[in-house]
Protein backbone atom coordinates (compact mmCIF):
# COMPACT_ATOMS: atom_id res chain seq x y z
CA UNK A 1 73.99 116.64 114.83
CA UNK A 2 75.63 113.43 116.64
CA UNK A 3 79.64 113.10 115.59
CA UNK A 4 80.89 109.77 116.63
CA UNK A 5 84.48 108.68 116.89
CA UNK A 6 87.31 108.19 114.51
CA UNK A 7 90.65 107.38 114.41
CA UNK A 8 92.67 108.71 111.53
CA UNK A 9 96.10 107.14 110.79
CA UNK A 10 98.35 108.84 108.32
CA UNK A 11 100.92 106.83 106.59
CA UNK A 12 104.47 108.47 106.82
CA UNK A 13 106.28 108.39 104.36
CA UNK A 14 103.48 109.50 101.80
CA UNK A 15 102.70 111.87 98.65
CA UNK A 16 105.13 113.63 96.74
CA UNK A 17 108.71 111.67 96.22
CA UNK A 18 111.63 112.99 94.93
CA UNK A 19 111.55 113.15 91.29
CA UNK A 20 107.98 114.57 91.44
CA UNK A 21 108.92 117.54 92.95
CA UNK A 22 111.51 117.65 90.58
CA UNK A 23 109.46 117.62 87.84
CA UNK A 24 107.11 119.93 88.80
CA UNK A 25 109.90 122.36 89.53
CA UNK A 26 110.97 121.87 86.11
CA UNK A 27 107.94 123.11 85.11
CA UNK A 28 107.24 126.12 87.13
CA UNK A 29 111.20 126.93 86.31
CA UNK A 30 110.47 126.78 83.03
CA UNK A 31 107.32 129.30 83.12
CA UNK A 32 109.82 131.57 85.14
CA UNK A 33 112.96 131.57 83.36
CA UNK A 34 111.01 131.82 79.67
CA UNK A 35 107.34 132.64 80.14
CA UNK A 36 104.19 131.37 78.87
CA UNK A 37 103.24 128.85 77.63
CA UNK A 38 105.43 126.13 78.33
CA UNK A 39 104.68 122.73 76.75
CA UNK A 40 104.67 119.40 78.50
CA UNK A 41 104.48 116.28 76.78
CA UNK A 42 101.66 113.74 79.19
CA UNK A 43 100.77 114.52 82.08
CA UNK A 44 104.00 115.67 84.47
CA UNK A 45 102.64 113.60 86.99
CA UNK A 46 99.69 111.41 87.15
CA UNK A 47 97.81 113.89 89.11
CA UNK A 48 95.01 116.17 87.86
CA UNK A 49 95.25 118.63 90.74
CA UNK A 50 98.74 118.92 90.14
CA UNK A 51 98.15 119.66 86.08
CA UNK A 52 95.45 121.54 86.69
CA UNK A 53 97.89 123.96 89.15
CA UNK A 54 100.34 124.10 86.29
CA UNK A 55 97.80 124.69 83.37
CA UNK A 56 96.79 128.29 85.61
CA UNK A 57 100.30 129.03 85.85
CA UNK A 58 100.68 128.80 81.96
CA UNK A 59 101.58 124.93 81.28
CA UNK A 60 100.04 123.43 78.40
CA UNK A 61 99.23 119.73 78.30
CA UNK A 62 99.47 117.98 74.94
CA UNK A 63 99.95 113.69 74.52
CA UNK A 64 101.60 114.03 71.01
CA UNK A 65 105.07 115.98 70.07
CA UNK A 66 103.36 117.38 66.71
CA UNK A 67 100.91 119.46 69.29
CA UNK A 68 103.40 121.43 69.89
CA UNK A 69 104.10 124.35 67.66
CA UNK A 70 107.56 125.48 66.48
CA UNK A 71 109.81 127.37 67.98
CA UNK A 72 108.34 126.29 71.47
CA UNK A 73 109.38 124.66 74.47
CA UNK A 74 108.29 121.27 75.56
CA UNK A 75 109.14 119.50 78.38
CA UNK A 76 109.15 115.67 78.76
CA UNK A 77 107.07 114.06 81.49
CA UNK A 78 108.72 112.12 84.74
CA UNK A 79 107.78 109.10 83.38
CA UNK A 80 110.03 108.85 80.52
CA UNK A 81 109.92 109.06 76.43
CA UNK A 82 111.27 106.88 74.06
CA UNK A 83 114.39 107.73 71.74
CA UNK A 84 112.09 108.93 69.19
CA UNK A 85 110.42 111.44 71.05
CA UNK A 86 113.83 113.70 71.72
CA UNK A 87 115.39 112.77 68.29
CA UNK A 88 111.71 113.94 66.42
CA UNK A 89 111.89 117.28 68.85
CA UNK A 90 115.33 118.07 67.71
CA UNK A 91 114.84 117.42 64.35
CA UNK A 92 112.18 120.00 64.65
CA UNK A 93 114.32 122.04 66.11
CA UNK A 94 112.59 122.41 69.15
CA UNK A 95 114.03 123.63 72.73
CA UNK A 96 113.65 120.83 75.33
CA UNK A 97 114.05 120.10 78.95
CA UNK A 98 113.53 116.29 80.28
CA UNK A 99 112.05 115.82 83.23
CA UNK A 100 112.74 112.11 83.43
CA UNK A 101 112.61 110.75 87.39
CA UNK A 102 116.41 109.96 87.57
CA UNK A 103 115.31 106.48 88.71
CA UNK A 104 113.57 106.03 85.49
CA UNK A 105 116.75 107.18 83.88
CA UNK A 106 118.50 104.74 86.11
CA UNK A 107 116.33 101.98 84.65
CA UNK A 108 117.31 102.97 80.73
CA UNK A 109 121.01 103.36 81.59
CA UNK A 110 121.11 99.77 82.71
CA UNK A 111 119.22 97.78 79.85
CA UNK A 112 121.49 100.21 77.86
CA UNK A 113 124.93 98.39 79.64
CA UNK A 114 122.82 94.87 79.14
CA UNK A 115 122.34 95.33 75.75
CA UNK A 116 126.09 96.24 75.05
CA UNK A 117 127.18 93.37 77.08
CA UNK A 118 125.10 91.22 74.64
CA UNK A 119 122.47 89.94 76.79
CA UNK A 120 118.60 90.16 75.99
CA UNK A 121 116.68 92.42 77.81
CA UNK A 122 113.07 91.58 79.95
CA UNK A 123 111.47 94.40 81.64
CA UNK A 124 108.85 93.51 84.14
CA UNK A 125 106.05 95.92 84.09
CA UNK A 126 102.73 97.11 83.08
CA UNK A 127 101.70 96.92 79.25
CA UNK A 128 100.45 100.38 78.17
CA UNK A 129 102.40 102.62 81.18
CA UNK A 130 104.28 105.50 79.93
CA UNK A 131 107.29 104.28 81.86
CA UNK A 132 106.69 101.00 80.13
CA UNK A 133 106.30 102.83 76.69
CA UNK A 134 109.54 104.78 77.52
CA UNK A 135 111.59 102.32 78.30
CA UNK A 136 110.47 99.80 75.82
CA UNK A 137 111.64 102.58 73.67
CA UNK A 138 114.99 102.71 74.49
CA UNK A 139 115.57 100.04 72.14
CA UNK A 140 114.58 99.38 68.56
CA UNK A 141 110.68 97.57 68.27
CA UNK A 142 110.81 94.12 69.87
CA UNK A 143 114.07 93.96 71.28
CA UNK A 144 112.62 94.56 74.68
CA UNK A 145 110.74 91.93 75.63
CA UNK A 146 107.39 92.86 78.47
CA UNK A 147 107.08 91.04 81.18
CA UNK A 148 103.24 91.70 82.86
CA UNK A 149 102.71 88.63 85.00
CA UNK A 150 103.85 85.16 86.34
CA UNK A 151 102.36 83.40 83.49
CA UNK A 152 104.14 85.39 81.30
CA UNK A 153 107.49 84.77 83.35
CA UNK A 154 106.41 81.01 82.69
CA UNK A 155 106.15 81.32 79.40
CA UNK A 156 108.84 83.49 77.64
CA UNK A 157 110.72 81.92 74.94
CA UNK A 158 114.18 83.83 74.48
CA UNK A 159 116.85 82.77 71.92
CA UNK A 160 119.86 82.69 73.95
CA UNK A 161 118.53 81.64 77.78
CA UNK A 162 122.21 81.21 79.18
CA UNK A 163 122.35 84.84 78.40
CA UNK A 164 119.90 87.37 79.65
CA UNK A 165 118.77 90.27 81.95
CA UNK A 166 116.10 91.74 83.45
CA UNK A 167 114.47 95.30 84.66
CA UNK A 168 111.75 96.59 85.63
CA UNK A 169 109.05 99.49 86.06
CA UNK A 170 109.86 102.12 89.16
CA UNK A 171 106.34 101.66 90.58
CA UNK A 172 105.45 98.11 91.01
CA UNK A 173 103.70 95.78 94.02
CA UNK A 174 107.63 94.77 95.74
CA UNK A 175 105.77 91.50 95.97
CA UNK A 176 104.00 90.42 93.06
CA UNK A 177 107.36 91.70 91.12
CA UNK A 178 109.30 89.23 93.49
CA UNK A 179 107.47 86.23 92.71
CA UNK A 180 107.93 87.18 88.61
CA UNK A 181 111.62 87.70 89.47
CA UNK A 182 111.37 84.21 91.05
CA UNK A 183 110.01 82.13 88.37
CA UNK A 184 112.80 83.93 85.76
CA UNK A 185 114.98 83.00 88.18
CA UNK A 186 114.15 79.39 88.51
CA UNK A 187 113.53 78.87 84.57
CA UNK A 188 117.16 81.22 83.64
CA UNK A 189 119.50 80.52 86.59
CA UNK A 190 122.03 82.76 85.28
CA UNK A 191 119.65 85.97 84.36
CA UNK A 192 121.96 89.33 84.99
CA UNK A 193 119.51 91.25 87.96
CA UNK A 194 119.77 95.07 88.13
CA UNK A 195 123.07 96.05 90.07
CA UNK A 196 120.33 98.32 92.60
CA UNK A 197 117.22 97.66 93.36
CA UNK A 198 114.48 99.25 90.07
CA UNK A 199 111.38 99.58 91.90
CA UNK A 200 112.49 103.13 93.41
CA UNK A 201 112.58 104.11 97.31
CA UNK A 202 109.49 105.88 97.15
CA UNK A 203 107.63 103.10 96.07
CA UNK A 204 109.00 100.43 98.82
CA UNK A 205 108.55 102.91 101.46
CA UNK A 206 105.29 103.85 100.62
CA UNK A 207 104.03 100.27 100.25
CA UNK A 208 105.75 99.60 103.40
CA UNK A 209 103.75 102.24 105.28
CA UNK A 210 100.42 101.20 103.93
CA UNK A 211 101.70 97.33 104.94
CA UNK A 212 101.78 98.95 108.48
CA UNK A 213 98.78 100.72 108.55
CA UNK A 214 96.73 97.24 108.37
CA UNK A 215 97.59 96.09 111.16
CA UNK A 216 95.37 98.51 112.44
CA UNK A 217 93.16 99.73 110.63
CA UNK A 218 89.80 98.77 109.44
CA UNK A 219 89.94 100.55 106.34
CA UNK A 220 92.42 102.17 104.28
CA UNK A 221 91.86 105.31 101.95
CA UNK A 222 94.67 105.79 99.24
CA UNK A 223 94.72 109.48 97.42
CA UNK A 224 95.94 109.17 94.09
CA UNK A 225 94.58 109.22 90.28
CA UNK A 226 93.19 106.31 88.86
CA UNK A 227 96.03 106.41 86.27
CA UNK A 228 98.64 106.40 88.92
CA UNK A 229 100.55 103.24 88.92
CA UNK A 230 101.84 103.49 92.19
CA UNK A 231 98.71 104.52 93.55
CA UNK A 232 97.04 101.35 92.45
CA UNK A 233 99.37 99.41 93.78
CA UNK A 234 99.17 100.92 97.45
CA UNK A 235 95.65 100.10 96.91
CA UNK A 236 96.61 96.19 95.73
CA UNK A 237 99.17 96.04 98.77
CA UNK A 238 96.75 97.02 101.45
CA UNK A 239 93.85 94.50 100.44
CA UNK A 240 96.57 91.55 100.00
CA UNK A 241 98.04 92.48 103.41
CA UNK A 242 94.78 92.29 105.40
CA UNK A 243 92.92 95.27 104.76
CA UNK A 244 90.36 94.47 101.97
CA UNK A 245 88.10 97.48 102.77
CA UNK A 246 90.79 99.75 100.85
CA UNK A 247 89.73 101.94 97.96
CA UNK A 248 91.72 104.47 95.70
CA UNK A 249 90.33 107.75 95.02
CA UNK A 250 91.15 111.44 93.54
CA UNK A 251 89.64 113.44 95.83
CA UNK A 252 88.12 113.98 98.91
CA UNK A 253 84.33 114.56 97.34
CA UNK A 254 84.06 111.09 95.72
CA UNK A 255 84.34 109.28 99.43
CA UNK A 256 81.28 108.19 100.59
CA UNK A 257 80.63 108.64 104.11
CA UNK A 258 78.42 105.41 104.39
CA UNK A 259 81.54 103.21 103.31
CA UNK A 260 82.98 103.81 106.80
CA UNK A 261 80.09 102.70 108.47
CA UNK A 262 81.57 100.17 111.17
CA UNK A 263 85.44 101.72 110.82
CA UNK A 264 86.56 103.49 113.76
CA UNK A 265 90.34 103.19 112.61
CA UNK A 266 90.98 104.54 109.35
CA UNK A 267 94.20 104.58 107.55
CA UNK A 268 94.99 107.41 104.87
CA UNK A 269 98.07 107.29 102.67
CA UNK A 270 98.94 109.02 99.13
CA UNK A 271 100.52 108.15 95.78
CA UNK A 272 104.00 109.51 95.05
CA UNK A 273 102.51 112.14 92.72
CA UNK A 274 99.43 113.26 94.90
CA UNK A 275 100.28 116.72 96.75
CA UNK A 276 99.89 116.74 100.75
CA UNK A 277 97.00 119.00 100.51
CA UNK A 278 94.49 116.41 98.81
CA UNK A 279 95.26 114.63 102.47
CA UNK A 280 94.46 117.80 104.16
CA UNK A 281 91.12 118.26 102.28
CA UNK A 282 89.98 114.76 103.08
CA UNK A 283 90.87 115.20 106.61
CA UNK A 284 89.22 118.51 106.66
CA UNK A 285 85.72 116.38 104.91
CA UNK A 286 85.73 114.24 107.69
CA UNK A 287 85.91 116.57 110.33
CA UNK A 288 82.59 117.12 109.67
CA UNK A 289 81.09 114.28 110.20
CA UNK A 290 83.50 112.73 112.79
CA UNK A 291 84.89 113.60 116.13
CA UNK A 292 88.66 112.83 114.37
CA UNK A 293 92.04 111.94 116.51
CA UNK A 294 95.30 111.97 114.42
CA UNK A 295 97.96 109.89 114.50
CA UNK A 296 101.09 109.61 112.71
CA UNK A 297 102.53 106.07 111.88
CA UNK A 298 106.04 106.52 110.65
CA UNK A 299 108.13 104.07 108.78
CA UNK A 300 111.33 105.70 107.58
CA UNK A 301 112.45 109.38 106.55
CA UNK A 302 112.93 110.26 103.21
CA UNK A 303 115.75 112.77 102.42
CA UNK A 304 116.59 112.33 98.86
CA UNK A 305 116.38 115.58 96.28
CA UNK A 306 117.52 115.37 92.74
CA UNK A 307 119.17 118.49 90.75
CA UNK A 308 117.29 120.48 88.11
CA UNK A 309 118.75 120.30 84.69
CA UNK A 310 121.51 122.98 83.75
CA UNK A 311 119.17 124.97 81.54
CA UNK A 312 117.44 126.28 84.20
CA UNK A 313 120.08 126.83 87.06
CA UNK A 314 120.99 130.04 86.88
């Protein structure tokens, strides 16, 4: 079988971030300490492979707290939950652990600070995403206003335009979010911004890495779940940065080899909730069809680590 040459450029950093590592570790440690089953409200992170691995170890995933039996342990996902969820768990006497990413918690804390100081809070994010649902749920319904795009930024009406603030979802496109913020700052010059960037370091770094790939790659594959916000943003950032031939796939088997016709240099990255084993799975599949040369495109290093909840630390 004739194999043509294909250069693979791997984005670095890619894949798991510290928040995802922590969330998965919380489920694994809870299983070790408390035994099976452990219930998890919503996917702990947006990746079917990760969820299935945890299911195999004894985790049971549910969408509603009502599905958790009495006297059970439940874990809240890395995306965060509305305040009503732990309140309901306490009312039922459930034991719970919160796997919310500390950087999402930081957004919740910032929003609460703004509210305490009397400001109306705008949340820049995507409607329906679990993180956005959780952040909006830090306030009574309707008290935090959601801004999804430039159009809404141009049209939003607030009662006190000189006493306004904003926070953002942590997994947005940096470029798109900057445009929305520019509109808001133009309309509301006194709007209070976060003390530090809400879009998380992992999102920032992975978007910078995929932009670097677009400089030399004919096509880019992003490995990640279709319901993963940060993975979808990687595909969009790649396309906007000059590589229209960019796709998002969950697993290697989803890649149509014919799609690589005419591609000499292929970029590969992975969303923050996609494990490295899925990257290697794709490379293994490509090796059956091409003579592979692998290069690493390094943008920055990451050494962030988040501690586990005290209940899991012996």
